[in-house]
N, C-alpha and C. Protein backbone atom coordinates (compact mmCIF):
# COMPACT_ATOMS: atom_id res chain seq x y z
N MET A 1 11.18 -43.50 -24.60
CA MET A 1 9.55 -43.93 -25.70
C MET A 1 10.18 -44.34 -26.44
N PRO A 2 10.91 -43.68 -27.67
CA PRO A 2 11.42 -44.61 -29.10
C PRO A 2 11.89 -46.28 -28.81
N GLU A 3 12.17 -46.39 -27.35
CA GLU A 3 12.66 -47.47 -27.61
C GLU A 3 11.45 -48.57 -27.07
N THR A 4 10.99 -48.17 -25.90
CA THR A 4 9.84 -48.96 -25.89
C THR A 4 8.61 -49.62 -27.28
N ASP A 5 8.50 -48.32 -28.06
CA ASP A 5 7.80 -48.14 -29.01
C ASP A 5 8.31 -49.74 -30.12
N ARG A 6 10.15 -49.22 -30.06
CA ARG A 6 10.52 -50.64 -30.75
C ARG A 6 10.11 -51.67 -30.28
N ILE A 7 10.63 -52.13 -28.83
CA ILE A 7 9.95 -53.46 -28.75
C ILE A 7 8.93 -53.68 -27.73
N GLY A 8 8.23 -53.11 -27.97
CA GLY A 8 6.82 -52.75 -27.59
C GLY A 8 6.67 -53.21 -26.16
N ILE A 9 6.97 -52.37 -25.43
CA ILE A 9 6.46 -52.91 -23.90
C ILE A 9 6.06 -51.13 -23.85
N LYS A 10 4.66 -51.35 -23.40
CA LYS A 10 3.78 -50.19 -22.77
C LYS A 10 4.44 -49.74 -20.99
N LEU A 11 4.87 -47.65 -21.53
CA LEU A 11 5.04 -47.24 -20.35
C LEU A 11 3.94 -46.88 -19.65
N SER A 12 2.96 -47.38 -18.43
CA SER A 12 1.82 -46.83 -17.86
C SER A 12 2.38 -45.79 -16.89
N MET A 13 1.33 -45.26 -16.88
CA MET A 13 1.69 -43.68 -15.83
C MET A 13 0.16 -43.99 -14.65
N HIS A 14 0.54 -44.21 -13.01
CA HIS A 14 -0.66 -44.12 -12.58
C HIS A 14 -0.69 -42.80 -11.44
N PRO A 15 -1.47 -42.37 -11.48
CA PRO A 15 -1.52 -41.06 -10.45
C PRO A 15 -0.72 -41.12 -9.25
N ASP A 16 0.03 -40.24 -9.01
CA ASP A 16 0.44 -40.23 -7.62
C ASP A 16 -0.29 -40.24 -6.36
N ASP A 17 0.01 -40.96 -5.58
CA ASP A 17 -0.96 -41.46 -3.98
C ASP A 17 -0.02 -41.87 -3.37
N PRO A 18 0.44 -41.09 -2.28
CA PRO A 18 -0.95 -40.17 -1.76
C PRO A 18 -1.14 -38.62 -2.40
N HIS A 19 -2.31 -38.64 -2.27
CA HIS A 19 -2.70 -37.35 -3.63
C HIS A 19 -2.23 -35.66 -2.86
N VAL A 20 -0.60 -35.99 -3.13
CA VAL A 20 0.19 -34.32 -2.45
C VAL A 20 0.91 -33.40 -3.43
N ASP A 21 1.02 -32.20 -3.33
CA ASP A 21 1.79 -31.54 -3.96
C ASP A 21 3.39 -32.39 -3.73
N ALA A 22 4.13 -32.62 -2.59
CA ALA A 22 5.07 -33.10 -2.42
C ALA A 22 5.51 -33.83 -1.18
N ILE A 23 6.33 -34.70 -0.88
CA ILE A 23 6.67 -35.62 -0.33
C ILE A 23 8.26 -34.98 -0.10
N LYS A 24 8.45 -35.11 1.43
CA LYS A 24 9.61 -34.48 1.52
C LYS A 24 9.79 -33.53 1.05
N GLY A 25 9.99 -32.88 0.30
CA GLY A 25 10.77 -31.88 -0.87
C GLY A 25 10.38 -32.15 -1.64
N ILE A 26 10.17 -33.26 -1.46
CA ILE A 26 9.85 -34.02 -3.29
C ILE A 26 9.09 -33.44 -4.14
N SER A 27 8.55 -32.84 -5.40
CA SER A 27 7.37 -32.98 -5.60
C SER A 27 7.12 -33.76 -6.64
N ARG A 28 5.80 -33.57 -6.43
CA ARG A 28 4.96 -34.45 -7.80
C ARG A 28 3.91 -34.36 -8.84
N ILE A 29 4.60 -34.43 -10.06
CA ILE A 29 3.45 -34.24 -10.84
C ILE A 29 2.47 -34.83 -11.74
N MET A 30 2.28 -35.44 -11.09
CA MET A 30 0.99 -36.64 -11.53
C MET A 30 0.15 -36.71 -10.68
N ASN A 31 -0.52 -35.40 -10.35
CA ASN A 31 -1.66 -35.89 -8.81
C ASN A 31 -2.74 -34.49 -9.40
N ASN A 32 -2.94 -34.25 -10.68
CA ASN A 32 -4.00 -33.33 -11.61
C ASN A 32 -4.34 -33.93 -12.61
N VAL A 33 -5.72 -33.95 -13.07
CA VAL A 33 -5.94 -33.53 -14.64
C VAL A 33 -4.87 -32.85 -16.07
N GLU A 34 -5.29 -31.44 -15.50
CA GLU A 34 -4.16 -31.05 -16.10
C GLU A 34 -2.35 -31.82 -16.77
N ASN A 35 -2.30 -32.06 -15.56
CA ASN A 35 -1.10 -32.35 -16.31
C ASN A 35 -1.30 -34.03 -17.17
N PHE A 36 -2.20 -34.92 -16.19
CA PHE A 36 -2.00 -35.77 -17.19
C PHE A 36 -2.87 -35.70 -18.48
N ALA A 37 -3.54 -34.46 -18.88
CA ALA A 37 -3.60 -34.29 -20.01
C ALA A 37 -2.99 -33.95 -21.46
N LYS A 38 -1.32 -34.04 -21.22
CA LYS A 38 -0.61 -33.20 -21.39
C LYS A 38 0.58 -34.35 -21.82
N LEU A 39 0.27 -35.75 -20.71
CA LEU A 39 1.21 -36.89 -20.82
C LEU A 39 0.65 -37.34 -22.51
N PRO A 40 -0.07 -37.52 -22.99
CA PRO A 40 -0.59 -38.40 -24.44
C PRO A 40 0.13 -37.75 -25.58
N ALA A 41 -0.24 -36.18 -25.58
CA ALA A 41 0.93 -35.49 -26.55
C ALA A 41 2.48 -35.75 -25.69
N MET A 42 2.80 -36.21 -24.72
CA MET A 42 4.59 -35.84 -24.61
C MET A 42 5.65 -37.09 -26.38
N HIS A 43 4.73 -38.30 -26.25
CA HIS A 43 4.70 -38.79 -27.20
C HIS A 43 3.83 -39.84 -28.14
N LYS A 44 3.34 -39.25 -28.99
CA LYS A 44 1.80 -40.31 -29.11
C LYS A 44 2.25 -41.72 -29.59
N THR A 45 1.52 -42.08 -29.51
CA THR A 45 1.65 -43.57 -29.24
C THR A 45 0.85 -44.32 -28.52
N ILE A 46 0.99 -45.60 -29.09
CA ILE A 46 0.32 -46.68 -28.16
C ILE A 46 0.94 -47.39 -26.55
N VAL A 47 1.70 -47.28 -26.70
CA VAL A 47 2.49 -47.71 -25.78
C VAL A 47 2.73 -46.89 -24.50
N ASN A 48 2.11 -44.96 -25.00
CA ASN A 48 1.96 -44.65 -24.03
C ASN A 48 0.89 -44.26 -22.56
N VAL A 49 0.56 -45.41 -22.36
CA VAL A 49 -0.79 -44.79 -21.49
C VAL A 49 -0.51 -44.84 -19.73
N ILE A 50 -2.64 -44.25 -19.21
CA ILE A 50 -2.91 -44.34 -18.47
C ILE A 50 -3.83 -45.03 -17.72
N LYS A 51 -2.84 -44.60 -16.80
CA LYS A 51 -3.60 -46.17 -15.42
C LYS A 51 -4.72 -45.45 -15.07
N MET A 52 -5.97 -46.48 -15.13
CA MET A 52 -7.10 -44.97 -15.08
C MET A 52 -7.69 -46.22 -13.84
N CYS A 53 -7.06 -44.93 -12.49
CA CYS A 53 -7.00 -45.60 -10.88
C CYS A 53 -8.15 -44.35 -10.61
N LYS A 54 -9.28 -45.50 -10.77
CA LYS A 54 -10.85 -44.28 -10.29
C LYS A 54 -10.73 -43.42 -9.10
N GLY A 55 -9.58 -44.66 -7.56
CA GLY A 55 -9.55 -44.34 -5.77
C GLY A 55 -9.45 -42.27 -7.21
N SER A 56 -7.92 -42.80 -7.10
CA SER A 56 -6.83 -41.25 -7.24
C SER A 56 -7.65 -40.03 -8.43
N PHE A 57 -8.50 -40.55 -9.46
CA PHE A 57 -8.10 -39.60 -10.26
C PHE A 57 -9.75 -38.73 -9.50
N SER A 58 -10.82 -39.77 -8.23
CA SER A 58 -11.84 -39.12 -7.83
C SER A 58 -11.17 -37.96 -6.71
N LEU A 59 -10.02 -37.90 -6.33
CA LEU A 59 -9.44 -37.42 -5.45
C LEU A 59 -9.22 -35.81 -6.20
N MET A 60 -9.49 -36.06 -6.96
CA MET A 60 -8.65 -34.75 -7.75
C MET A 60 -9.50 -34.24 -7.75
N GLY A 61 -10.91 -34.57 -7.68
CA GLY A 61 -11.74 -33.64 -7.60
C GLY A 61 -12.68 -33.20 -8.92
N THR A 62 -12.53 -34.57 -9.41
CA THR A 62 -12.78 -34.43 -10.94
C THR A 62 -14.28 -34.74 -11.12
N GLY A 63 -14.76 -34.92 -10.07
CA GLY A 63 -16.17 -35.74 -10.08
C GLY A 63 -16.35 -37.34 -10.89
N MET A 64 -15.22 -37.94 -11.99
CA MET A 64 -15.24 -38.47 -12.63
C MET A 64 -16.17 -40.21 -11.87
N THR A 65 -16.84 -40.94 -13.12
CA THR A 65 -16.95 -42.34 -12.61
C THR A 65 -17.06 -43.33 -13.51
N LEU A 66 -16.54 -43.93 -13.75
CA LEU A 66 -16.09 -45.34 -14.42
C LEU A 66 -17.28 -46.53 -14.55
N PRO A 67 -17.94 -46.85 -15.45
CA PRO A 67 -19.20 -47.97 -15.56
C PRO A 67 -18.22 -49.08 -14.43
N VAL A 68 -19.12 -49.62 -13.71
CA VAL A 68 -17.90 -50.73 -13.25
C VAL A 68 -19.30 -52.25 -13.40
N LYS A 69 -18.10 -52.98 -14.26
CA LYS A 69 -19.47 -53.93 -14.28
C LYS A 69 -19.03 -55.58 -13.27
N ILE A 70 -20.00 -56.45 -12.83
CA ILE A 70 -19.19 -57.00 -12.60
C ILE A 70 -19.67 -58.95 -12.81
């Protein structure tokens, strides 16, 4: 992260898709709201962002809805 700060590259975390705990024995950790809540605290900077995928977050059972403008 410090290097991305220096050169201004944004890193965006997208929720795990498909929404499962593991694939072929490999754990997937970005599949719940609690883990996403921890992400910004890991390195506080404007280049550490979250991809707000309504479909993925709704599968987490958050009831999250985002306003949609057409």
